[in-house]
Every structure is written in structure tokens, then in C-alpha cells.
Protein backbone atom coordinates (compact mmCIF):
# COMPACT_ATOMS: atom_id res chain seq x y z
CA LEU A 1 5.54 242.77 12.26
CA TYR A 2 5.61 241.42 9.00
CA ASN A 3 1.38 241.69 8.34
CA GLY A 4 0.83 242.80 12.22
CA GLU A 5 -1.13 239.48 12.64
CA VAL A 6 -0.75 237.67 15.95
CA ILE A 7 0.69 234.19 15.43
CA ALA A 8 1.76 232.57 18.93
CA PHE A 9 0.40 233.69 21.87
CA THR A 10 0.32 232.51 25.89
CA ILE A 11 -1.32 234.12 28.71
CA GLY A 12 -0.61 233.61 32.58
CA ASP A 13 -0.09 234.67 35.98
CA LYS A 14 3.71 234.68 35.75
CA GLN A 15 6.56 235.29 33.19
CA ASP A 16 9.21 232.28 32.91
CA THR A 17 10.85 230.44 31.04
CA ASP A 18 8.47 228.25 30.50
CA PHE A 19 5.93 230.47 29.62
CA ILE A 20 8.10 231.87 26.25
CA LEU A 21 9.06 228.63 25.73
CA ASN A 22 5.33 227.46 25.41
CA THR A 23 4.40 230.83 23.41
CA LEU A 24 8.04 229.56 21.24
CA ASN A 25 6.58 225.83 20.40
CA GLN A 26 3.12 227.41 19.11
CA LEU A 27 5.10 229.29 16.35
CA PRO A 28 4.26 227.32 12.83
CA ALA A 29 6.98 227.06 10.53
CA LEU A 30 8.59 230.17 9.64
CA PRO A 31 9.81 231.50 6.22
CA GLU A 32 13.93 231.72 6.47
CA ASN A 33 15.40 235.07 8.21
CA CYS A 34 13.03 235.66 10.60
CA VAL A 35 13.68 237.82 13.85
CA LEU A 36 12.36 237.45 17.16
CA HIS A 37 12.55 240.65 18.85
CA SER A 38 12.76 241.11 22.70
CA ASP A 39 13.88 243.10 25.71
CA GLN A 40 16.39 241.96 27.51
CA GLY A 41 14.18 240.13 30.20
CA SER A 42 15.95 237.31 32.21
CA VAL A 43 14.08 234.81 30.16
CA TYR A 44 15.19 235.85 27.24
CA THR A 45 18.51 235.87 27.70
CA SER A 46 18.36 232.24 29.12
CA TYR A 47 19.92 229.38 27.54
CA GLU A 48 17.13 227.15 27.12
CA TYR A 49 15.70 230.28 25.40
CA GLN A 50 18.81 231.03 23.15
CA LYS A 51 18.87 227.25 22.56
CA ALA A 52 14.87 226.86 21.19
CA ILE A 53 15.22 229.97 18.75
CA HIS A 54 18.27 228.90 17.30
CA ILE A 55 16.57 225.56 16.50
CA LYS A 56 13.35 226.92 15.20
CA GLY A 57 16.10 229.15 12.69
CA ILE A 58 14.83 232.68 14.33
CA THR A 59 17.95 235.47 14.08
CA MET A 60 17.20 236.80 18.02
CA SER A 61 16.75 240.79 18.21
CA MET A 62 17.12 242.29 21.99
CA SER A 63 16.15 245.86 23.16
CA ARG A 64 18.98 247.98 24.07
CA LYS A 65 18.72 249.03 28.11
CA GLY A 66 16.48 251.83 28.80
CA THR A 67 15.14 252.01 25.71
CA PRO A 68 11.62 250.96 25.44
CA ALA A 69 11.12 252.54 21.90
CA ASP A 70 12.72 249.46 20.27
CA ASN A 71 9.94 247.56 20.92
CA ALA A 72 7.50 249.75 20.39
CA SER A 73 4.99 247.72 18.39
CA ILE A 74 4.30 245.40 20.83
CA GLU A 75 3.96 248.08 23.36
CA SER A 76 1.37 249.92 20.93
CA PHE A 77 -0.29 246.18 20.42
CA HIS A 78 -0.82 245.76 24.44
CA SER A 79 -1.71 249.69 24.78
CA SER A 80 -4.20 249.11 21.73
CA LEU A 81 -5.77 245.86 23.38
CA LYS A 82 -6.23 247.32 26.59
CA SER A 83 -8.07 250.51 24.93
CA GLU A 84 -10.22 248.79 23.01
CA THR A 85 -11.34 245.86 25.70
CA PHE A 86 -10.52 246.73 29.52
CA TYR A 87 -10.80 250.64 29.07
CA LEU A 88 -13.59 250.68 27.03
CA ASN A 89 -15.62 248.42 28.86
CA ARG A 90 -14.28 250.36 32.31
CA ILE A 91 -13.34 246.88 33.40
CA ASP A 92 -10.53 248.10 35.90
CA ARG A 93 -10.30 244.73 38.17
CA THR A 94 -10.10 241.58 36.78
CA THR A 95 -9.14 237.96 36.46
CA THR A 96 -6.65 235.64 34.86
CA THR A 97 -9.90 233.90 33.12
CA ILE A 98 -11.48 237.34 32.11
CA VAL A 99 -8.02 238.38 30.25
CA GLU A 100 -8.03 235.14 29.00
CA ARG A 101 -11.64 235.26 27.42
CA THR A 102 -11.36 238.55 26.05
CA VAL A 103 -8.41 238.07 24.46
CA LYS A 104 -9.47 235.05 22.38
CA GLU A 105 -12.69 237.12 21.89
């Protein structure tokens, strides 16, 4: 949330631990005291994820159960992304290839 810039992302058909670790491995060197916020999904509570963020020196933050507002910034980002690309261009059905191209553009 420092400046709203996306510094790493991965697009895929499923979200599993490898998917999340791929994104973590893209991160550039980060300043001290960085916090990475997530929900309480199984990939974020996994040993592999927790070990990876610890190695990178990142502090883990998780939403409380049933409180999506804790993650409002990323939910807002996803809403804007969809509204300004897919919905604006009336794209109702898509493929992973189209999503990847649209996001990268």
C-alpha cells in the first residue's frame, strides 16, 4: 500500500502454494518492516508460505475470519481492474490468455 504500485503478480487457473510462492519470488529487495497482508486461505497459512515470507524478512498480516473489509485495498484494485478493462469493453466470457494479455497491457 506504500504507493499503490503493483510490484509482483502471477496469473493462473488455480491458486495453490506454488502459485503464491511464484509471486513472492518475483519481489524485488524490500525495505525493512514490510508487511504482506492476506486472507486466511490455506495457501497463506501453509508452512511453505510462512517460511518464504520469513526468509524475505516480511511481516505477515492476515484478515480476521469473515471480515473482507480488512483486505479492502486489494478488493478495490480488483474491482477497478475489472471495471476499467473487462466490463468497459463488454468482455463477459474470457480465457486465461485474454486475461493475461489484458492485465499486462
